[in-house]
Amino acid sequence: MRRLKAQIIDPEGFERTLTRLAHEILEKNRGAGNIVIVGIRTRGEFIARRIAAIIETVEHTTLSIGSLDITLYRDDLLGKLEQPQLKGTDILFDINGHDVILIDDVLFTGRTIRAALDELIDLGRPRTIQLAVLVDRGHRQVPIRADYVGKNIPTSADESIRVHVKEVDGEDTVLLMHPEE
C-alpha cells in the first residue's frame, strides 16, 4: 500500500492548470478552427472534456471531442494473465487534416502515448498530433515529449503520481505517493 507523500496540485490549482493548458493550445494553434480534442481513457478523457469546454467558452465554438481506449495497442498485453478491460474508442468524427490535441493525465514512460499514436494513425491522417498532459513525471522509455505540460514533477522511478478527477474520484487533485512498502 502506498502512502501519501505530498499533494502537488489542489482543486483550485487543478482548475488554473486546465485553463492555462487551454490557452496555450489556442495560442499555438491560432484559435480553435482546425483542432479536435481526444482524451485517453480514463482520466485523460475527463481532462480533455474540461479543456475543450474552456476552449469552447473562450472561442465561442463547438469542438469535436473523442476518447481513445488504447488497451489493444499496449505493448505489454502478452505478459498479462487477466483479460483486458475494454472501454471502447469513441471518435465519431474525421481526424484527417485536423490538428489532434491528444490529452492524458500523466506522462511517464511514454508507452501509453506511443500506443495512442498508433491507434490515431490507424484512424486517419491528422495534420498534426499535439500532446497535452496534466503531469510530466519523467522516466521515458520511448522518445516522447509533451507539447503542453500542466506541471513537471520530478519523481523517483518507484514513487507514483495519482491524479484524481471529480468525475471519477469526487475531487480534483494530484498526489505524490511514497514507494510501495
N, C-alpha and C. Protein backbone atom coordinates (compact mmCIF):
# COMPACT_ATOMS: atom_id res chain seq x y z
N MET A 1 0.85 -1.19 0.00
CA MET A 1 0.00 0.00 0.00
C MET A 1 0.89 1.25 0.00
N ARG A 2 0.55 2.17 -0.84
CA ARG A 2 1.33 3.42 -0.92
C ARG A 2 0.75 4.47 0.01
N ARG A 3 1.64 5.26 0.60
CA ARG A 3 1.24 6.35 1.48
C ARG A 3 1.43 7.68 0.77
N LEU A 4 0.60 8.64 1.14
CA LEU A 4 0.69 9.99 0.57
C LEU A 4 1.99 10.66 1.00
N LYS A 5 2.71 11.18 0.03
CA LYS A 5 3.93 11.93 0.31
C LYS A 5 3.64 13.43 0.26
N ALA A 6 2.87 13.87 -0.75
CA ALA A 6 2.55 15.29 -0.87
C ALA A 6 1.40 15.50 -1.84
N GLN A 7 0.62 16.54 -1.57
CA GLN A 7 -0.37 16.97 -2.53
C GLN A 7 0.34 17.98 -3.44
N ILE A 8 0.38 17.68 -4.73
CA ILE A 8 1.12 18.52 -5.68
C ILE A 8 0.22 19.61 -6.26
N ILE A 9 -1.03 19.26 -6.56
CA ILE A 9 -1.99 20.23 -7.10
C ILE A 9 -3.29 20.07 -6.32
N ASP A 10 -3.79 21.19 -5.78
CA ASP A 10 -5.07 21.19 -5.07
C ASP A 10 -6.19 21.52 -6.07
N PRO A 11 -7.45 21.46 -5.64
CA PRO A 11 -8.55 21.71 -6.58
C PRO A 11 -8.48 23.05 -7.31
N GLU A 12 -8.11 24.11 -6.64
CA GLU A 12 -8.01 25.41 -7.29
C GLU A 12 -6.86 25.43 -8.30
N GLY A 13 -5.74 24.84 -7.93
CA GLY A 13 -4.60 24.75 -8.84
C GLY A 13 -4.91 23.87 -10.05
N PHE A 14 -5.72 22.86 -9.84
CA PHE A 14 -6.13 21.96 -10.92
C PHE A 14 -6.89 22.76 -11.98
N GLU A 15 -7.84 23.57 -11.54
CA GLU A 15 -8.64 24.37 -12.48
C GLU A 15 -7.78 25.41 -13.19
N ARG A 16 -6.87 26.05 -12.45
CA ARG A 16 -5.96 27.02 -13.07
C ARG A 16 -5.08 26.35 -14.12
N THR A 17 -4.61 25.15 -13.82
CA THR A 17 -3.76 24.42 -14.75
C THR A 17 -4.51 24.07 -16.03
N LEU A 18 -5.75 23.61 -15.91
CA LEU A 18 -6.55 23.29 -17.10
C LEU A 18 -6.79 24.54 -17.95
N THR A 19 -7.06 25.65 -17.28
CA THR A 19 -7.29 26.91 -18.00
C THR A 19 -6.04 27.35 -18.75
N ARG A 20 -4.89 27.23 -18.10
CA ARG A 20 -3.62 27.60 -18.75
C ARG A 20 -3.34 26.70 -19.95
N LEU A 21 -3.56 25.39 -19.79
CA LEU A 21 -3.35 24.47 -20.91
C LEU A 21 -4.25 24.82 -22.09
N ALA A 22 -5.51 25.13 -21.82
CA ALA A 22 -6.45 25.50 -22.88
C ALA A 22 -5.95 26.74 -23.63
N HIS A 23 -5.48 27.74 -22.90
CA HIS A 23 -4.99 28.96 -23.54
C HIS A 23 -3.70 28.72 -24.33
N GLU A 24 -2.83 27.86 -23.83
CA GLU A 24 -1.61 27.53 -24.57
C GLU A 24 -1.95 26.82 -25.88
N ILE A 25 -2.92 25.92 -25.84
CA ILE A 25 -3.35 25.22 -27.05
C ILE A 25 -3.90 26.22 -28.06
N LEU A 26 -4.74 27.14 -27.60
CA LEU A 26 -5.30 28.14 -28.50
C LEU A 26 -4.22 29.03 -29.09
N GLU A 27 -3.27 29.44 -28.27
CA GLU A 27 -2.21 30.32 -28.75
C GLU A 27 -1.37 29.64 -29.83
N LYS A 28 -0.94 28.41 -29.57
CA LYS A 28 -0.09 27.71 -30.54
C LYS A 28 -0.83 27.43 -31.84
N ASN A 29 -2.13 27.17 -31.77
CA ASN A 29 -2.90 26.81 -32.96
C ASN A 29 -3.63 28.00 -33.58
N ARG A 30 -3.38 29.19 -33.04
CA ARG A 30 -4.01 30.42 -33.54
C ARG A 30 -5.53 30.28 -33.58
N GLY A 31 -6.06 29.81 -32.46
CA GLY A 31 -7.51 29.62 -32.36
C GLY A 31 -7.89 28.16 -32.44
N ALA A 32 -9.19 27.92 -32.48
CA ALA A 32 -9.71 26.56 -32.42
C ALA A 32 -10.19 26.05 -33.76
N GLY A 33 -9.95 26.80 -34.85
CA GLY A 33 -10.52 26.49 -36.15
C GLY A 33 -10.28 25.10 -36.69
N ASN A 34 -9.10 24.52 -36.42
CA ASN A 34 -8.78 23.22 -37.03
C ASN A 34 -8.51 22.13 -35.99
N ILE A 35 -8.76 22.42 -34.71
CA ILE A 35 -8.41 21.42 -33.70
C ILE A 35 -9.59 20.50 -33.36
N VAL A 36 -9.23 19.27 -33.02
CA VAL A 36 -10.15 18.31 -32.43
C VAL A 36 -9.46 17.80 -31.16
N ILE A 37 -10.25 17.42 -30.19
CA ILE A 37 -9.73 17.02 -28.89
C ILE A 37 -9.97 15.53 -28.68
N VAL A 38 -8.92 14.80 -28.27
CA VAL A 38 -9.05 13.37 -27.99
C VAL A 38 -8.39 13.08 -26.66
N GLY A 39 -9.16 12.53 -25.72
CA GLY A 39 -8.63 12.16 -24.41
C GLY A 39 -8.40 10.67 -24.32
N ILE A 40 -7.34 10.28 -23.62
CA ILE A 40 -7.04 8.87 -23.40
C ILE A 40 -7.79 8.42 -22.15
N ARG A 41 -8.58 7.35 -22.30
CA ARG A 41 -9.37 6.84 -21.18
C ARG A 41 -8.46 6.36 -20.07
N THR A 42 -8.74 6.59 -18.83
CA THR A 42 -9.97 7.10 -18.29
C THR A 42 -9.84 8.57 -17.92
N ARG A 43 -8.88 8.91 -17.11
CA ARG A 43 -8.83 10.28 -16.61
C ARG A 43 -8.48 11.31 -17.68
N GLY A 44 -7.70 10.92 -18.67
CA GLY A 44 -7.40 11.83 -19.77
C GLY A 44 -8.64 12.25 -20.52
N GLU A 45 -9.63 11.37 -20.56
CA GLU A 45 -10.89 11.69 -21.22
C GLU A 45 -11.61 12.84 -20.50
N PHE A 46 -11.65 12.80 -19.19
CA PHE A 46 -12.33 13.85 -18.43
C PHE A 46 -11.56 15.16 -18.47
N ILE A 47 -10.23 15.08 -18.40
CA ILE A 47 -9.40 16.27 -18.52
C ILE A 47 -9.61 16.90 -19.90
N ALA A 48 -9.66 16.06 -20.94
CA ALA A 48 -9.87 16.55 -22.31
C ALA A 48 -11.21 17.27 -22.43
N ARG A 49 -12.26 16.70 -21.88
CA ARG A 49 -13.59 17.33 -21.96
C ARG A 49 -13.60 18.69 -21.27
N ARG A 50 -12.89 18.79 -20.17
CA ARG A 50 -12.87 20.06 -19.45
C ARG A 50 -12.03 21.11 -20.16
N ILE A 51 -10.90 20.71 -20.74
CA ILE A 51 -10.10 21.64 -21.52
C ILE A 51 -10.90 22.09 -22.74
N ALA A 52 -11.59 21.16 -23.40
CA ALA A 52 -12.42 21.50 -24.55
C ALA A 52 -13.50 22.50 -24.18
N ALA A 53 -14.12 22.31 -23.01
CA ALA A 53 -15.17 23.24 -22.57
C ALA A 53 -14.62 24.65 -22.37
N ILE A 54 -13.40 24.76 -21.84
CA ILE A 54 -12.77 26.07 -21.67
C ILE A 54 -12.52 26.70 -23.03
N ILE A 55 -11.97 25.92 -23.96
CA ILE A 55 -11.70 26.43 -25.31
C ILE A 55 -13.00 26.87 -25.98
N GLU A 56 -14.04 26.08 -25.86
CA GLU A 56 -15.34 26.42 -26.47
C GLU A 56 -15.88 27.73 -25.91
N THR A 57 -15.72 27.95 -24.61
CA THR A 57 -16.19 29.19 -23.99
C THR A 57 -15.39 30.38 -24.49
N VAL A 58 -14.08 30.24 -24.54
CA VAL A 58 -13.21 31.34 -24.98
C VAL A 58 -13.44 31.67 -26.45
N GLU A 59 -13.57 30.64 -27.28
CA GLU A 59 -13.65 30.82 -28.74
C GLU A 59 -15.08 30.90 -29.28
N HIS A 60 -16.06 30.70 -28.41
CA HIS A 60 -17.48 30.71 -28.84
C HIS A 60 -17.69 29.75 -30.00
N THR A 61 -17.27 28.50 -29.81
CA THR A 61 -17.36 27.48 -30.85
C THR A 61 -17.69 26.14 -30.23
N THR A 62 -17.91 25.15 -31.06
CA THR A 62 -18.12 23.79 -30.60
C THR A 62 -17.03 22.92 -31.21
N LEU A 63 -16.36 22.14 -30.37
CA LEU A 63 -15.27 21.29 -30.83
C LEU A 63 -15.73 19.85 -30.97
N SER A 64 -15.06 19.10 -31.82
CA SER A 64 -15.22 17.65 -31.88
C SER A 64 -14.36 17.07 -30.77
N ILE A 65 -14.98 16.26 -29.91
CA ILE A 65 -14.29 15.69 -28.75
C ILE A 65 -14.49 14.18 -28.78
N GLY A 66 -13.40 13.45 -28.60
CA GLY A 66 -13.49 11.99 -28.58
C GLY A 66 -12.62 11.40 -27.50
N SER A 67 -12.73 10.09 -27.35
CA SER A 67 -11.91 9.38 -26.36
C SER A 67 -11.31 8.14 -27.01
N LEU A 68 -10.15 7.78 -26.52
CA LEU A 68 -9.36 6.70 -27.07
C LEU A 68 -9.14 5.65 -26.00
N ASP A 69 -9.42 4.39 -26.33
CA ASP A 69 -9.09 3.27 -25.45
C ASP A 69 -7.90 2.55 -26.09
N ILE A 70 -6.74 2.67 -25.48
CA ILE A 70 -5.51 2.16 -26.09
C ILE A 70 -5.21 0.72 -25.66
N THR A 71 -6.13 0.08 -24.95
CA THR A 71 -5.88 -1.25 -24.38
C THR A 71 -5.30 -2.23 -25.40
N LEU A 72 -5.91 -2.34 -26.58
CA LEU A 72 -5.45 -3.33 -27.56
C LEU A 72 -4.18 -2.90 -28.28
N TYR A 73 -3.72 -1.67 -28.05
CA TYR A 73 -2.49 -1.18 -28.67
C TYR A 73 -1.30 -1.22 -27.71
N ARG A 74 -1.55 -1.65 -26.48
CA ARG A 74 -0.47 -1.70 -25.49
C ARG A 74 0.56 -2.75 -25.88
N ASP A 75 1.82 -2.51 -25.53
CA ASP A 75 2.87 -3.47 -25.86
C ASP A 75 3.13 -4.46 -24.73
N ASP A 76 2.32 -4.40 -23.66
CA ASP A 76 2.53 -5.31 -22.54
C ASP A 76 1.36 -6.29 -22.36
N LEU A 77 0.49 -6.42 -23.34
CA LEU A 77 -0.66 -7.32 -23.22
C LEU A 77 -0.25 -8.79 -23.14
N LEU A 78 0.81 -9.17 -23.82
CA LEU A 78 1.20 -10.58 -23.84
C LEU A 78 1.57 -11.12 -22.46
N GLY A 79 2.13 -10.28 -21.61
CA GLY A 79 2.54 -10.73 -20.29
C GLY A 79 1.42 -10.75 -19.27
N LYS A 80 0.23 -10.29 -19.65
CA LYS A 80 -0.89 -10.21 -18.70
C LYS A 80 -1.67 -11.52 -18.70
N LEU A 81 -2.04 -11.99 -17.52
CA LEU A 81 -2.84 -13.21 -17.42
C LEU A 81 -4.33 -12.92 -17.53
N GLU A 82 -4.77 -11.78 -16.96
CA GLU A 82 -6.19 -11.47 -16.97
C GLU A 82 -6.62 -10.85 -18.30
N GLN A 83 -7.89 -10.96 -18.58
CA GLN A 83 -8.46 -10.41 -19.80
C GLN A 83 -8.49 -8.89 -19.68
N PRO A 84 -8.06 -8.16 -20.72
CA PRO A 84 -8.08 -6.69 -20.62
C PRO A 84 -9.51 -6.15 -20.58
N GLN A 85 -9.67 -5.06 -19.85
CA GLN A 85 -10.96 -4.38 -19.76
C GLN A 85 -11.06 -3.35 -20.89
N LEU A 86 -11.94 -3.59 -21.85
CA LEU A 86 -12.11 -2.67 -22.96
C LEU A 86 -13.20 -1.67 -22.65
N LYS A 87 -12.91 -0.40 -22.87
CA LYS A 87 -13.89 0.66 -22.63
C LYS A 87 -14.34 1.28 -23.94
N GLY A 88 -13.63 1.00 -25.01
CA GLY A 88 -14.04 1.46 -26.33
C GLY A 88 -13.51 2.83 -26.70
N THR A 89 -13.14 2.94 -27.96
CA THR A 89 -12.74 4.22 -28.53
C THR A 89 -13.99 4.90 -29.05
N ASP A 90 -14.10 6.19 -28.80
CA ASP A 90 -15.28 6.95 -29.19
C ASP A 90 -14.83 8.20 -29.96
N ILE A 91 -14.53 8.01 -31.24
CA ILE A 91 -14.16 9.13 -32.11
C ILE A 91 -15.10 9.06 -33.30
N LEU A 92 -16.13 9.89 -33.25
CA LEU A 92 -17.19 9.86 -34.26
C LEU A 92 -17.05 11.00 -35.26
N PHE A 93 -15.81 11.38 -35.55
CA PHE A 93 -15.54 12.47 -36.47
C PHE A 93 -14.27 12.15 -37.23
N ASP A 94 -14.09 12.82 -38.35
CA ASP A 94 -12.93 12.61 -39.21
C ASP A 94 -11.73 13.36 -38.63
N ILE A 95 -10.62 12.66 -38.45
CA ILE A 95 -9.41 13.34 -37.94
C ILE A 95 -8.48 13.74 -39.08
N ASN A 96 -8.77 13.32 -40.30
CA ASN A 96 -7.91 13.64 -41.45
C ASN A 96 -7.78 15.15 -41.62
N GLY A 97 -6.53 15.61 -41.70
CA GLY A 97 -6.27 17.02 -41.94
C GLY A 97 -6.45 17.93 -40.74
N HIS A 98 -6.86 17.38 -39.61
CA HIS A 98 -7.08 18.20 -38.41
C HIS A 98 -5.85 18.18 -37.51
N ASP A 99 -5.80 19.15 -36.62
CA ASP A 99 -4.79 19.19 -35.57
C ASP A 99 -5.41 18.48 -34.36
N VAL A 100 -4.94 17.27 -34.09
CA VAL A 100 -5.47 16.48 -32.98
C VAL A 100 -4.72 16.86 -31.72
N ILE A 101 -5.46 17.28 -30.70
CA ILE A 101 -4.87 17.53 -29.39
C ILE A 101 -5.15 16.29 -28.55
N LEU A 102 -4.12 15.49 -28.33
CA LEU A 102 -4.21 14.25 -27.56
C LEU A 102 -3.94 14.59 -26.10
N ILE A 103 -4.84 14.19 -25.21
CA ILE A 103 -4.73 14.60 -23.81
C ILE A 103 -4.71 13.39 -22.89
N ASP A 104 -3.76 13.39 -21.94
CA ASP A 104 -3.70 12.35 -20.91
C ASP A 104 -3.39 13.00 -19.57
N ASP A 105 -3.54 12.21 -18.51
CA ASP A 105 -3.30 12.75 -17.18
C ASP A 105 -1.82 12.79 -16.82
N VAL A 106 -1.11 11.67 -16.98
CA VAL A 106 0.30 11.60 -16.57
C VAL A 106 1.14 11.05 -17.72
N LEU A 107 2.25 11.71 -18.00
CA LEU A 107 3.24 11.20 -18.94
C LEU A 107 4.39 10.63 -18.11
N PHE A 108 4.64 9.33 -18.30
CA PHE A 108 5.67 8.65 -17.52
C PHE A 108 6.66 8.01 -18.49
N THR A 109 6.49 6.76 -18.85
CA THR A 109 7.44 6.07 -19.72
C THR A 109 7.26 6.45 -21.18
N GLY A 110 6.07 6.90 -21.55
CA GLY A 110 5.76 7.25 -22.94
C GLY A 110 5.08 6.12 -23.68
N ARG A 111 4.97 4.95 -23.08
CA ARG A 111 4.38 3.79 -23.76
C ARG A 111 2.88 3.95 -24.02
N THR A 112 2.16 4.57 -23.11
CA THR A 112 0.73 4.81 -23.33
C THR A 112 0.54 5.75 -24.52
N ILE A 113 1.36 6.79 -24.59
CA ILE A 113 1.25 7.74 -25.69
C ILE A 113 1.63 7.08 -27.01
N ARG A 114 2.66 6.23 -27.01
CA ARG A 114 3.03 5.50 -28.22
C ARG A 114 1.86 4.67 -28.72
N ALA A 115 1.17 3.99 -27.81
CA ALA A 115 0.01 3.18 -28.19
C ALA A 115 -1.10 4.07 -28.74
N ALA A 116 -1.32 5.23 -28.12
CA ALA A 116 -2.35 6.16 -28.60
C ALA A 116 -2.02 6.68 -29.99
N LEU A 117 -0.76 6.98 -30.24
CA LEU A 117 -0.34 7.44 -31.57
C LEU A 117 -0.61 6.37 -32.62
N ASP A 118 -0.29 5.12 -32.28
CA ASP A 118 -0.55 4.01 -33.21
C ASP A 118 -2.04 3.93 -33.55
N GLU A 119 -2.89 4.05 -32.53
CA GLU A 119 -4.33 3.96 -32.77
C GLU A 119 -4.83 5.15 -33.59
N LEU A 120 -4.36 6.34 -33.27
CA LEU A 120 -4.79 7.52 -34.04
C LEU A 120 -4.41 7.38 -35.52
N ILE A 121 -3.21 6.91 -35.79
CA ILE A 121 -2.76 6.76 -37.17
C ILE A 121 -3.62 5.71 -37.89
N ASP A 122 -4.08 4.70 -37.17
CA ASP A 122 -4.98 3.71 -37.77
C ASP A 122 -6.34 4.32 -38.12
N LEU A 123 -6.70 5.42 -37.44
CA LEU A 123 -8.00 6.06 -37.68
C LEU A 123 -7.96 7.10 -38.80
N GLY A 124 -6.78 7.56 -39.17
CA GLY A 124 -6.70 8.57 -40.21
C GLY A 124 -5.34 9.24 -40.24
N ARG A 125 -5.29 10.33 -41.01
CA ARG A 125 -4.03 11.07 -41.15
C ARG A 125 -4.24 12.53 -40.74
N PRO A 126 -4.05 12.80 -39.44
CA PRO A 126 -4.19 14.18 -38.99
C PRO A 126 -3.08 15.06 -39.54
N ARG A 127 -3.34 16.37 -39.58
CA ARG A 127 -2.29 17.31 -39.98
C ARG A 127 -1.17 17.28 -38.95
N THR A 128 -1.55 17.39 -37.68
CA THR A 128 -0.59 17.27 -36.57
C THR A 128 -1.26 16.51 -35.44
N ILE A 129 -0.43 15.92 -34.59
CA ILE A 129 -0.88 15.37 -33.31
C ILE A 129 -0.05 16.08 -32.26
N GLN A 130 -0.73 16.79 -31.36
CA GLN A 130 -0.05 17.51 -30.29
C GLN A 130 -0.46 16.88 -28.96
N LEU A 131 0.48 16.75 -28.05
CA LEU A 131 0.23 16.08 -26.78
C LEU A 131 0.16 17.09 -25.64
N ALA A 132 -0.93 16.99 -24.87
CA ALA A 132 -1.10 17.79 -23.66
C ALA A 132 -1.26 16.83 -22.48
N VAL A 133 -0.51 17.06 -21.42
CA VAL A 133 -0.61 16.23 -20.22
C VAL A 133 -0.73 17.13 -18.99
N LEU A 134 -1.46 16.64 -18.02
CA LEU A 134 -1.57 17.38 -16.76
C LEU A 134 -0.24 17.33 -16.01
N VAL A 135 0.39 16.14 -15.98
CA VAL A 135 1.64 15.95 -15.23
C VAL A 135 2.65 15.21 -16.10
N ASP A 136 3.88 15.73 -16.12
CA ASP A 136 5.00 15.02 -16.73
C ASP A 136 5.95 14.66 -15.60
N ARG A 137 6.15 13.36 -15.38
CA ARG A 137 6.99 12.93 -14.26
C ARG A 137 8.34 12.37 -14.69
N GLY A 138 8.63 12.40 -16.00
CA GLY A 138 9.93 11.93 -16.47
C GLY A 138 9.99 10.42 -16.62
N HIS A 139 11.20 9.89 -16.73
CA HIS A 139 11.48 8.45 -16.82
C HIS A 139 11.03 7.82 -18.14
N ARG A 140 11.26 8.49 -19.27
CA ARG A 140 10.85 7.97 -20.57
C ARG A 140 11.58 6.69 -20.94
N GLN A 141 10.84 5.79 -21.58
CA GLN A 141 11.42 4.59 -22.18
C GLN A 141 11.36 4.66 -23.70
N VAL A 142 10.56 5.59 -24.21
CA VAL A 142 10.49 5.84 -25.66
C VAL A 142 10.58 7.35 -25.87
N PRO A 143 11.03 7.79 -27.03
CA PRO A 143 11.27 9.22 -27.25
C PRO A 143 9.98 10.00 -27.50
N ILE A 144 9.27 10.30 -26.43
CA ILE A 144 8.00 11.03 -26.48
C ILE A 144 8.16 12.26 -25.58
N ARG A 145 7.64 13.40 -26.05
CA ARG A 145 7.59 14.58 -25.18
C ARG A 145 6.26 15.28 -25.40
N ALA A 146 5.80 15.98 -24.39
CA ALA A 146 4.53 16.69 -24.47
C ALA A 146 4.73 18.09 -25.04
N ASP A 147 3.75 18.54 -25.82
CA ASP A 147 3.75 19.92 -26.32
C ASP A 147 3.25 20.89 -25.26
N TYR A 148 2.37 20.39 -24.39
CA TYR A 148 1.76 21.21 -23.34
C TYR A 148 1.81 20.40 -22.04
N VAL A 149 2.39 21.00 -20.99
CA VAL A 149 2.53 20.31 -19.71
C VAL A 149 1.94 21.19 -18.62
N GLY A 150 1.02 20.60 -17.85
CA GLY A 150 0.45 21.32 -16.72
C GLY A 150 1.48 21.54 -15.63
N LYS A 151 2.18 20.46 -15.25
CA LYS A 151 3.19 20.57 -14.20
C LYS A 151 4.23 19.46 -14.40
N ASN A 152 5.49 19.84 -14.34
CA ASN A 152 6.59 18.88 -14.33
C ASN A 152 6.84 18.48 -12.89
N ILE A 153 6.79 17.20 -12.61
CA ILE A 153 7.02 16.71 -11.25
C ILE A 153 8.11 15.66 -11.30
N PRO A 154 9.35 16.03 -10.98
CA PRO A 154 10.41 15.03 -10.96
C PRO A 154 10.13 14.01 -9.85
N THR A 155 10.19 12.75 -10.20
CA THR A 155 9.92 11.69 -9.23
C THR A 155 11.04 10.66 -9.32
N SER A 156 11.12 9.82 -8.30
CA SER A 156 11.96 8.64 -8.44
C SER A 156 11.12 7.61 -9.18
N ALA A 157 11.77 6.63 -9.76
CA ALA A 157 11.05 5.63 -10.56
C ALA A 157 10.06 4.82 -9.73
N ASP A 158 10.30 4.68 -8.43
CA ASP A 158 9.40 3.85 -7.61
C ASP A 158 8.32 4.66 -6.89
N GLU A 159 8.35 5.98 -6.98
CA GLU A 159 7.24 6.79 -6.48
C GLU A 159 6.12 6.73 -7.52
N SER A 160 4.94 7.19 -7.15
CA SER A 160 3.87 7.23 -8.14
C SER A 160 3.11 8.55 -8.01
N ILE A 161 2.43 8.88 -9.10
CA ILE A 161 1.57 10.06 -9.15
C ILE A 161 0.15 9.56 -9.27
N ARG A 162 -0.75 10.10 -8.48
CA ARG A 162 -2.17 9.78 -8.59
C ARG A 162 -2.92 11.05 -8.94
N VAL A 163 -3.60 11.02 -10.08
CA VAL A 163 -4.45 12.13 -10.48
C VAL A 163 -5.88 11.74 -10.14
N HIS A 164 -6.54 12.59 -9.39
CA HIS A 164 -7.95 12.40 -9.07
C HIS A 164 -8.74 13.47 -9.81
N VAL A 165 -9.80 13.05 -10.49
CA VAL A 165 -10.71 13.99 -11.14
C VAL A 165 -12.08 13.82 -10.50
N LYS A 166 -12.81 14.92 -10.38
CA LYS A 166 -14.08 14.87 -9.66
C LYS A 166 -15.09 13.94 -10.30
N GLU A 167 -15.02 13.76 -11.62
CA GLU A 167 -15.97 12.88 -12.30
C GLU A 167 -15.82 11.41 -11.89
N VAL A 168 -14.61 11.00 -11.50
CA VAL A 168 -14.34 9.61 -11.12
C VAL A 168 -14.11 9.49 -9.62
N ASP A 169 -13.34 10.43 -9.06
CA ASP A 169 -12.86 10.30 -7.69
C ASP A 169 -13.51 11.25 -6.69
N GLY A 170 -14.36 12.16 -7.18
CA GLY A 170 -15.04 13.08 -6.28
C GLY A 170 -14.32 14.38 -6.00
N GLU A 171 -13.06 14.49 -6.41
CA GLU A 171 -12.30 15.73 -6.23
C GLU A 171 -11.20 15.82 -7.27
N ASP A 172 -10.73 17.04 -7.49
CA ASP A 172 -9.62 17.30 -8.41
C ASP A 172 -8.36 17.51 -7.58
N THR A 173 -7.40 16.63 -7.74
CA THR A 173 -6.14 16.78 -7.02
C THR A 173 -5.08 15.91 -7.68
N VAL A 174 -3.82 16.27 -7.46
CA VAL A 174 -2.70 15.44 -7.91
C VAL A 174 -1.86 15.15 -6.68
N LEU A 175 -1.60 13.86 -6.47
CA LEU A 175 -0.89 13.41 -5.27
C LEU A 175 0.40 12.69 -5.66
N LEU A 176 1.44 12.93 -4.89
CA LEU A 176 2.70 12.18 -5.00
C LEU A 176 2.67 11.15 -3.89
N MET A 177 2.89 9.89 -4.29
CA MET A 177 2.81 8.79 -3.32
C MET A 177 4.20 8.22 -3.06
N HIS A 178 4.45 7.81 -1.81
CA HIS A 178 5.68 7.14 -1.43
C HIS A 178 5.80 5.82 -2.20
N PRO A 179 7.01 5.30 -2.31
CA PRO A 179 7.16 3.96 -2.91
C PRO A 179 6.40 2.91 -2.11
N GLU A 180 6.07 1.79 -2.77
CA GLU A 180 5.39 0.70 -2.06
C GLU A 180 6.29 0.15 -0.99
N GLU A 181 5.67 -0.23 0.11
CA GLU A 181 6.46 -0.75 1.24
C GLU A 181 6.46 -2.25 1.23
